[in-house]
Amino acid sequence: MHLCEFRPGQLFRGIKLPAPIDPDAVKAECRDGLLRVTAAMAAQLARKVDVQAA
């Protein structure tokens, strides 16, 4: 995703991601005026489901 905005002061931006992310694995880096945010997808937890015979 690429986004360019020029405004004085603070900026807040919220975006929807296509999959859940692991909040503990988010990294942000600002270099030369470019903010790069890297987020790992959260692991999908498998569930065991008991099947009852009718």
Protein backbone atom coordinates (compact mmCIF):
# COMPACT_ATOMS: atom_id res chain seq x y z
CA MET A 1 0.00 0.00 0.00
CA HIS A 2 1.38 3.40 -0.90
CA LEU A 3 -0.03 6.65 0.47
CA CYS A 4 1.36 10.17 0.25
CA GLU A 5 0.12 13.02 2.47
CA PHE A 6 1.63 16.38 3.35
CA ARG A 7 0.15 18.11 6.41
CA PRO A 8 1.65 19.95 9.35
CA GLY A 9 1.15 18.43 12.82
CA GLN A 10 0.08 14.95 13.81
CA LEU A 11 -1.49 12.48 11.42
CA PHE A 12 -3.64 9.46 12.27
CA ARG A 13 -4.56 6.86 9.69
CA GLY A 14 -6.49 3.64 10.21
CA ILE A 15 -6.54 0.90 7.58
CA LYS A 16 -8.30 -2.44 7.34
CA LEU A 17 -6.04 -5.40 6.69
CA PRO A 18 -7.12 -8.50 4.76
CA ALA A 19 -6.19 -10.87 7.60
CA PRO A 20 -5.72 -10.73 11.40
CA ILE A 21 -2.22 -9.73 12.47
CA ASP A 22 -0.07 -10.56 15.46
CA PRO A 23 0.20 -7.26 17.40
CA ASP A 24 3.42 -8.41 19.07
CA ALA A 25 5.12 -8.84 15.68
CA VAL A 26 4.47 -5.34 14.27
CA LYS A 27 7.52 -3.26 13.34
CA ALA A 28 7.60 0.38 12.21
CA GLU A 29 10.53 2.26 10.71
CA CYS A 30 10.71 5.89 9.57
CA ARG A 31 13.58 6.74 7.24
CA ASP A 32 13.91 9.72 4.87
CA GLY A 33 10.28 10.72 5.50
CA LEU A 34 8.96 7.25 4.59
CA LEU A 35 7.10 5.22 7.21
CA ARG A 36 7.29 1.45 6.67
CA VAL A 37 5.09 -0.78 8.81
CA THR A 38 5.60 -4.55 8.70
CA ALA A 39 3.07 -6.87 10.34
CA ALA A 40 3.02 -10.66 10.49
CA MET A 41 -0.22 -12.53 10.00
CA ALA A 42 -1.59 -14.15 13.14
CA ALA A 43 -1.38 -17.93 13.27
CA GLN A 44 -4.66 -19.66 12.67
CA LEU A 45 -5.49 -21.86 15.62
CA ALA A 46 -6.80 -25.30 14.73
CA ARG A 47 -9.72 -26.61 16.74
CA LYS A 48 -10.72 -30.19 17.35
CA VAL A 49 -14.43 -30.75 16.94
CA ASP A 50 -16.11 -33.89 18.28
CA VAL A 51 -18.63 -35.39 15.87
CA GLN A 52 -21.68 -37.04 17.44
CA ALA A 53 -23.28 -39.98 15.63
CA ALA A 54 -27.04 -39.66 15.18
